[in-house]
PDB file of N, CA and C in Angstrom:
ATOM      1  N   MET A   1     -98.086 -52.234 -70.032  1.00  0.00           N
ATOM      2  CA  MET A   1     -98.183 -53.245 -69.047  1.00  0.00           C
ATOM      3  C   MET A   1     -96.906 -54.318 -69.390  1.00  0.00           C
ATOM      4  N   VAL A   2     -96.653 -54.356 -70.856  1.00  0.00           N
ATOM      5  CA  VAL A   2     -95.888 -55.415 -71.134  1.00  0.00           C
ATOM      6  C   VAL A   2     -94.419 -55.180 -70.960  1.00  0.00           C
ATOM      7  N   LEU A   3     -94.015 -53.728 -71.020  1.00  0.00           N
ATOM      8  CA  LEU A   3     -92.660 -53.211 -70.299  1.00  0.00           C
ATOM      9  C   LEU A   3     -92.518 -53.727 -68.898  1.00  0.00           C
ATOM     10  N   LEU A   4     -93.674 -53.390 -68.284  1.00  0.00           N
ATOM     11  CA  LEU A   4     -93.509 -54.034 -66.614  1.00  0.00           C
ATOM     12  C   LEU A   4     -93.315 -55.666 -66.568  1.00  0.00           C
ATOM     13  N   TYR A   5     -94.043 -56.436 -67.481  1.00  0.00           N
ATOM     14  CA  TYR A   5     -93.878 -57.685 -67.431  1.00  0.00           C
ATOM     15  C   TYR A   5     -92.487 -58.163 -68.041  1.00  0.00           C
ATOM     16  N   ALA A   6     -91.636 -57.505 -68.905  1.00  0.00           N
ATOM     17  CA  ALA A   6     -90.587 -57.693 -69.316  1.00  0.00           C
ATOM     18  C   ALA A   6     -89.771 -57.519 -68.085  1.00  0.00           C
ATOM     19  N   GLY A   7     -89.819 -56.297 -67.642  1.00  0.00           N
ATOM     20  CA  GLY A   7     -88.699 -56.060 -66.639  1.00  0.00           C
ATOM     21  C   GLY A   7     -89.045 -57.041 -65.388  1.00  0.00           C
ATOM     22  N   THR A   8     -90.031 -57.384 -64.905  1.00  0.00           N
ATOM     23  CA  THR A   8     -90.122 -58.018 -63.700  1.00  0.00           C
ATOM     24  C   THR A   8     -89.979 -59.511 -64.049  1.00  0.00           C
ATOM     25  N   ASN A   9     -90.058 -59.862 -65.151  1.00  0.00           N
ATOM     26  CA  ASN A   9     -89.636 -61.119 -65.352  1.00  0.00           C
ATOM     27  C   ASN A   9     -88.105 -61.606 -66.156  1.00  0.00           C
ATOM     28  N   GLY A  10     -87.633 -60.482 -65.835  1.00  0.00           N
ATOM     29  CA  GLY A  10     -86.008 -60.910 -66.407  1.00  0.00           C
ATOM     30  C   GLY A  10     -85.440 -60.548 -67.797  1.00  0.00           C
ATOM     31  N   TYR A  11     -86.466 -60.057 -68.715  1.00  0.00           N
ATOM     32  CA  TYR A  11     -86.150 -60.132 -70.042  1.00  0.00           C
ATOM     33  C   TYR A  11     -85.226 -58.820 -70.300  1.00  0.00           C
ATOM     34  N   THR A  12     -85.364 -57.864 -69.100  1.00  0.00           N
ATOM     35  CA  THR A  12     -84.467 -56.510 -69.179  1.00  0.00           C
ATOM     36  C   THR A  12     -82.799 -56.900 -68.430  1.00  0.00           C
ATOM     37  N   ASP A  13     -83.051 -57.907 -67.663  1.00  0.00           N
ATOM     38  CA  ASP A  13     -81.722 -58.249 -66.811  1.00  0.00           C
ATOM     39  C   ASP A  13     -80.396 -58.205 -67.563  1.00  0.00           C
ATOM     40  N   PRO A  14     -80.246 -58.485 -68.804  1.00  0.00           N
ATOM     41  CA  PRO A  14     -79.096 -58.629 -69.401  1.00  0.00           C
ATOM     42  C   PRO A  14     -78.553 -57.040 -70.072  1.00  0.00           C
ATOM     43  N   TYR A  15     -79.297 -56.549 -69.956  1.00  0.00           N
ATOM     44  CA  TYR A  15     -78.642 -55.035 -70.706  1.00  0.00           C
ATOM     45  C   TYR A  15     -78.730 -53.747 -69.254  1.00  0.00           C
ATOM     46  N   PRO A  16     -77.541 -52.967 -69.682  1.00  0.00           N
ATOM     47  CA  PRO A  16     -77.317 -51.996 -68.600  1.00  0.00           C
ATOM     48  C   PRO A  16     -78.313 -50.986 -68.702  1.00  0.00           C
ATOM     49  N   GLU A  17     -78.701 -50.108 -67.495  1.00  0.00           N
ATOM     50  CA  GLU A  17     -79.645 -49.078 -67.526  1.00  0.00           C
ATOM     51  C   GLU A  17     -79.399 -48.129 -68.811  1.00  0.00           C
ATOM     52  N   SER A  18     -78.332 -47.866 -69.330  1.00  0.00           N
ATOM     53  CA  SER A  18     -78.106 -46.942 -70.311  1.00  0.00           C
ATOM     54  C   SER A  18     -78.932 -47.350 -71.771  1.00  0.00           C
ATOM     55  N   GLU A  19     -79.224 -48.667 -71.902  1.00  0.00           N
ATOM     56  CA  GLU A  19     -80.013 -49.330 -72.989  1.00  0.00           C
ATOM     57  C   GLU A  19     -81.455 -49.416 -72.612  1.00  0.00           C
ATOM     58  N   MET A  20     -82.007 -48.879 -71.312  1.00  0.00           N
ATOM     59  CA  MET A  20     -83.219 -49.293 -71.300  1.00  0.00           C
ATOM     60  C   MET A  20     -84.332 -48.577 -72.346  1.00  0.00           C
ATOM     61  N   ALA A  21     -83.843 -47.113 -72.312  1.00  0.00           N
ATOM     62  CA  ALA A  21     -85.032 -46.170 -73.094  1.00  0.00           C
ATOM     63  C   ALA A  21     -84.866 -47.161 -74.785  1.00  0.00           C
ATOM     64  N   ARG A  22     -83.803 -47.438 -75.180  1.00  0.00           N
ATOM     65  CA  ARG A  22     -83.567 -47.716 -76.744  1.00  0.00           C
ATOM     66  C   ARG A  22     -84.768 -49.343 -76.421  1.00  0.00           C
ATOM     67  N   TYR A  23     -84.280 -50.254 -75.370  1.00  0.00           N
ATOM     68  CA  TYR A  23     -85.044 -51.428 -75.304  1.00  0.00           C
ATOM     69  C   TYR A  23     -86.598 -51.140 -75.415  1.00  0.00           C
ATOM     70  N   GLU A  24     -87.068 -50.097 -74.734  1.00  0.00           N
ATOM     71  CA  GLU A  24     -88.647 -49.883 -74.591  1.00  0.00           C
ATOM     72  C   GLU A  24     -89.167 -49.395 -75.705  1.00  0.00           C
ATOM     73  N   THR A  25     -88.205 -48.496 -76.490  1.00  0.00           N
ATOM     74  CA  THR A  25     -88.814 -48.110 -77.773  1.00  0.00           C
ATOM     75  C   THR A  25     -88.984 -49.268 -78.724  1.00  0.00           C
ATOM     76  N   GLU A  26     -87.893 -50.148 -78.649  1.00  0.00           N
ATOM     77  CA  GLU A  26     -87.614 -51.068 -79.825  1.00  0.00           C
ATOM     78  C   GLU A  26     -88.504 -52.365 -79.646  1.00  0.00           C
ATOM     79  N   MET A  27     -88.690 -52.632 -78.221  1.00  0.00           N
ATOM     80  CA  MET A  27     -89.609 -53.707 -77.820  1.00  0.00           C
ATOM     81  C   MET A  27     -90.978 -53.413 -78.216  1.00  0.00           C
ATOM     82  N   LEU A  28     -91.606 -52.161 -78.109  1.00  0.00           N
ATOM     83  CA  LEU A  28     -93.049 -51.501 -78.030  1.00  0.00           C
ATOM     84  C   LEU A  28     -93.190 -51.531 -79.617  1.00  0.00           C
ATOM     85  N   ALA A  29     -92.074 -51.261 -80.445  1.00  0.00           N
ATOM     86  CA  ALA A  29     -92.368 -51.020 -82.112  1.00  0.00           C
ATOM     87  C   ALA A  29     -92.631 -52.636 -82.418  1.00  0.00           C
ATOM     88  N   PHE A  30     -91.677 -53.170 -81.949  1.00  0.00           N
ATOM     89  CA  PHE A  30     -91.721 -54.960 -82.191  1.00  0.00           C
ATOM     90  C   PHE A  30     -93.184 -55.500 -81.771  1.00  0.00           C
ATOM     91  N   MET A  31     -93.557 -55.295 -80.655  1.00  0.00           N
ATOM     92  CA  MET A  31     -94.761 -55.747 -79.988  1.00  0.00           C
ATOM     93  C   MET A  31     -95.963 -55.248 -80.956  1.00  0.00           C
ATOM     94  N   GLU A  32     -96.116 -53.643 -81.622  1.00  0.00           N
ATOM     95  CA  GLU A  32     -96.895 -53.536 -82.206  1.00  0.00           C
ATOM     96  C   GLU A  32     -97.202 -53.938 -83.526  1.00  0.00           C
ATOM     97  N   LYS A  33     -95.926 -54.261 -84.137  1.00  0.00           N
ATOM     98  CA  LYS A  33     -95.834 -55.181 -85.412  1.00  0.00           C
ATOM     99  C   LYS A  33     -95.966 -56.632 -85.577  1.00  0.00           C
ATOM    100  N   GLU A  34     -95.532 -57.162 -84.477  1.00  0.00           N
ATOM    101  CA  GLU A  34     -95.205 -58.482 -84.341  1.00  0.00           C
ATOM    102  C   GLU A  34     -96.384 -59.450 -83.250  1.00  0.00           C
ATOM    103  N   GLY A  35     -96.752 -58.292 -82.446  1.00  0.00           N
ATOM    104  CA  GLY A  35     -97.486 -59.030 -81.199  1.00  0.00           C
ATOM    105  C   GLY A  35     -99.033 -57.925 -81.027  1.00  0.00           C
ATOM    106  N   SER A  36     -99.301 -57.560 -82.210  1.00  0.00           N
ATOM    107  CA  SER A  36    -100.536 -56.680 -82.082  1.00  0.00           C
ATOM    108  C   SER A  36    -101.736 -57.463 -81.145  1.00  0.00           C
ATOM    109  N   ALA A  37    -101.859 -58.626 -81.901  1.00  0.00           N
ATOM    110  CA  ALA A  37    -102.931 -59.676 -81.052  1.00  0.00           C
ATOM    111  C   ALA A  37    -102.989 -59.700 -79.643  1.00  0.00           C
ATOM    112  N   ILE A  38    -101.521 -59.783 -79.360  1.00  0.00           N
ATOM    113  CA  ILE A  38    -101.060 -59.920 -77.813  1.00  0.00           C
ATOM    114  C   ILE A  38    -101.421 -58.586 -77.041  1.00  0.00           C
ATOM    115  N   LEU A  39    -101.267 -57.352 -77.713  1.00  0.00           N
ATOM    116  CA  LEU A  39    -101.715 -56.319 -77.028  1.00  0.00           C
ATOM    117  C   LEU A  39    -103.195 -55.781 -77.363  1.00  0.00           C
ATOM    118  N   ALA A  40    -103.567 -56.301 -77.920  1.00  0.00           N
ATOM    119  CA  ALA A  40    -105.354 -55.985 -77.872  1.00  0.00           C
ATOM    120  C   ALA A  40    -105.733 -57.079 -76.930  1.00  0.00           C
ATOM    121  N   SER A  41    -105.456 -58.048 -76.923  1.00  0.00           N
ATOM    122  CA  SER A  41    -105.885 -59.125 -76.010  1.00  0.00           C
ATOM    123  C   SER A  41    -105.602 -58.303 -74.501  1.00  0.00           C
ATOM    124  N   ILE A  42    -104.473 -57.763 -74.220  1.00  0.00           N
ATOM    125  CA  ILE A  42    -104.261 -57.080 -72.796  1.00  0.00           C
ATOM    126  C   ILE A  42    -105.291 -55.865 -72.532  1.00  0.00           C
ATOM    127  N   ARG A  43    -105.203 -55.119 -73.562  1.00  0.00           N
ATOM    128  CA  ARG A  43    -106.193 -54.381 -73.716  1.00  0.00           C
ATOM    129  C   ARG A  43    -107.691 -54.753 -73.441  1.00  0.00           C
ATOM    130  N   ASP A  44    -108.008 -55.628 -74.090  1.00  0.00           N
ATOM    131  CA  ASP A  44    -109.444 -55.871 -73.853  1.00  0.00           C
ATOM    132  C   ASP A  44    -109.694 -56.398 -72.486  1.00  0.00           C
ATOM    133  N   LYS A  45    -108.753 -57.281 -72.062  1.00  0.00           N
ATOM    134  CA  LYS A  45    -108.890 -57.870 -70.807  1.00  0.00           C
ATOM    135  C   LYS A  45    -108.469 -56.876 -69.537  1.00  0.00           C
ATOM    136  N   LYS A  46    -107.935 -56.260 -69.997  1.00  0.00           N
ATOM    137  CA  LYS A  46    -107.054 -55.591 -68.799  1.00  0.00           C
ATOM    138  C   LYS A  46    -106.319 -56.504 -67.850  1.00  0.00           C
ATOM    139  N   ALA A  47    -105.740 -57.504 -68.357  1.00  0.00           N
ATOM    140  CA  ALA A  47    -105.053 -58.471 -67.592  1.00  0.00           C
ATOM    141  C   ALA A  47    -104.304 -59.450 -68.546  1.00  0.00           C
ATOM    142  N   ILE A  48    -103.413 -60.145 -68.044  1.00  0.00           N
ATOM    143  CA  ILE A  48    -102.730 -60.935 -68.864  1.00  0.00           C
ATOM    144  C   ILE A  48    -103.106 -62.578 -68.187  1.00  0.00           C
ATOM    145  N   ASP A  49    -104.051 -63.266 -69.103  1.00  0.00           N
ATOM    146  CA  ASP A  49    -104.202 -64.469 -68.836  1.00  0.00           C
ATOM    147  C   ASP A  49    -103.085 -65.412 -69.225  1.00  0.00           C
ATOM    148  N   ASP A  50    -103.531 -66.975 -68.708  1.00  0.00           N
ATOM    149  CA  ASP A  50    -102.576 -67.830 -69.481  1.00  0.00           C
ATOM    150  C   ASP A  50    -101.817 -67.904 -70.598  1.00  0.00           C
ATOM    151  N   ALA A  51    -103.093 -67.963 -71.464  1.00  0.00           N
ATOM    152  CA  ALA A  51    -102.912 -68.080 -73.030  1.00  0.00           C
ATOM    153  C   ALA A  51    -102.064 -66.755 -73.514  1.00  0.00           C
ATOM    154  N   THR A  52    -102.470 -65.556 -72.990  1.00  0.00           N
ATOM    155  CA  THR A  52    -101.817 -64.397 -73.663  1.00  0.00           C
ATOM    156  C   THR A  52    -100.154 -64.450 -72.927  1.00  0.00           C
ATOM    157  N   GLU A  53    -100.096 -64.732 -71.529  1.00  0.00           N
ATOM    158  CA  GLU A  53     -99.052 -64.976 -71.073  1.00  0.00           C
ATOM    159  C   GLU A  53     -97.858 -65.704 -72.033  1.00  0.00           C
ATOM    160  N   ALA A  54     -98.572 -67.068 -72.316  1.00  0.00           N
ATOM    161  CA  ALA A  54     -97.693 -67.781 -73.181  1.00  0.00           C
ATOM    162  C   ALA A  54     -97.147 -67.253 -74.380  1.00  0.00           C
ATOM    163  N   ASP A  55     -98.288 -66.480 -75.313  1.00  0.00           N
ATOM    164  CA  ASP A  55     -97.779 -65.827 -76.480  1.00  0.00           C
ATOM    165  C   ASP A  55     -96.955 -64.878 -76.292  1.00  0.00           C
ATOM    166  N   LEU A  56     -96.902 -64.049 -75.025  1.00  0.00           N
ATOM    167  CA  LEU A  56     -95.912 -62.936 -74.629  1.00  0.00           C
ATOM    168  C   LEU A  56     -94.675 -63.552 -74.368  1.00  0.00           C
ATOM    169  N   THR A  57     -94.613 -64.554 -73.756  1.00  0.00           N
ATOM    170  CA  THR A  57     -93.356 -64.980 -73.560  1.00  0.00           C
ATOM    171  C   THR A  57     -92.639 -65.201 -74.710  1.00  0.00           C
ATOM    172  N   LYS A  58     -93.568 -65.902 -75.661  1.00  0.00           N
ATOM    173  CA  LYS A  58     -92.616 -66.270 -76.945  1.00  0.00           C
ATOM    174  C   LYS A  58     -92.248 -64.962 -77.836  1.00  0.00           C
ATOM    175  N   ALA A  59     -93.319 -64.051 -77.608  1.00  0.00           N
ATOM    176  CA  ALA A  59     -93.052 -62.971 -78.346  1.00  0.00           C
ATOM    177  C   ALA A  59     -91.393 -62.289 -77.833  1.00  0.00           C
ATOM    178  N   LEU A  60     -91.788 -61.976 -76.512  1.00  0.00           N
ATOM    179  CA  LEU A  60     -90.417 -61.318 -75.580  1.00  0.00           C
ATOM    180  C   LEU A  60     -88.956 -62.233 -75.865  1.00  0.00           C
ATOM    181  N   THR A  61     -89.197 -63.458 -76.219  1.00  0.00           N
ATOM    182  CA  THR A  61     -87.864 -64.323 -76.554  1.00  0.00           C
ATOM    183  C   THR A  61     -87.738 -64.200 -77.795  1.00  0.00           C
ATOM    184  N   ARG A  62     -88.580 -64.119 -78.715  1.00  0.00           N
ATOM    185  CA  ARG A  62     -88.062 -63.607 -80.186  1.00  0.00           C
ATOM    186  C   ARG A  62     -87.326 -62.129 -80.137  1.00  0.00           C
ATOM    187  N   PHE A  63     -87.883 -61.351 -79.360  1.00  0.00           N
ATOM    188  CA  PHE A  63     -87.367 -59.859 -79.637  1.00  0.00           C
ATOM    189  C   PHE A  63     -85.788 -59.825 -78.739  1.00  0.00           C
ATOM    190  N   LYS A  64     -86.051 -60.622 -77.819  1.00  0.00           N
ATOM    191  CA  LYS A  64     -84.511 -60.634 -77.260  1.00  0.00           C
ATOM    192  C   LYS A  64     -83.338 -61.150 -78.077  1.00  0.00           C
ATOM    193  N   GLU A  65     -83.856 -62.295 -79.140  1.00  0.00           N
ATOM    194  CA  GLU A  65     -82.718 -62.716 -80.067  1.00  0.00           C
ATOM    195  C   GLU A  65     -82.551 -61.656 -81.019  1.00  0.00           C
ATOM    196  N   ILE A  66     -83.617 -60.552 -81.419  1.00  0.00           N
ATOM    197  CA  ILE A  66     -82.968 -59.554 -82.258  1.00  0.00           C
ATOM    198  C   ILE A  66     -82.446 -58.267 -81.507  1.00  0.00           C
ATOM    199  N   PHE A  67     -82.644 -58.349 -80.447  1.00  0.00           N
ATOM    200  CA  PHE A  67     -82.334 -56.747 -79.478  1.00  0.00           C
ATOM    201  C   PHE A  67     -80.869 -56.997 -79.235  1.00  0.00           C
ATOM    202  N   LYS A  68     -79.844 -56.075 -80.142  1.00  0.00           N
ATOM    203  CA  LYS A  68     -78.471 -56.082 -79.969  1.00  0.00           C
ATOM    204  C   LYS A  68     -77.666 -54.865 -79.381  1.00  0.00           C
TER     205      LYS A  68
END
């Protein structure tokens, strides 16, 4: 769900298609390490509520700063 959120909300737009496999791998690893509470919330609620979305947005913005 997090990868779909990133893709539909423009977080993957700056990257060419050839980078998407690496983006997916590294972003999911980042989220497991830095955003485990976000992932748990999504898993438990089976949805992204407003609070979780705010946290997810911050996490994806942080990841964008380190993904090169």
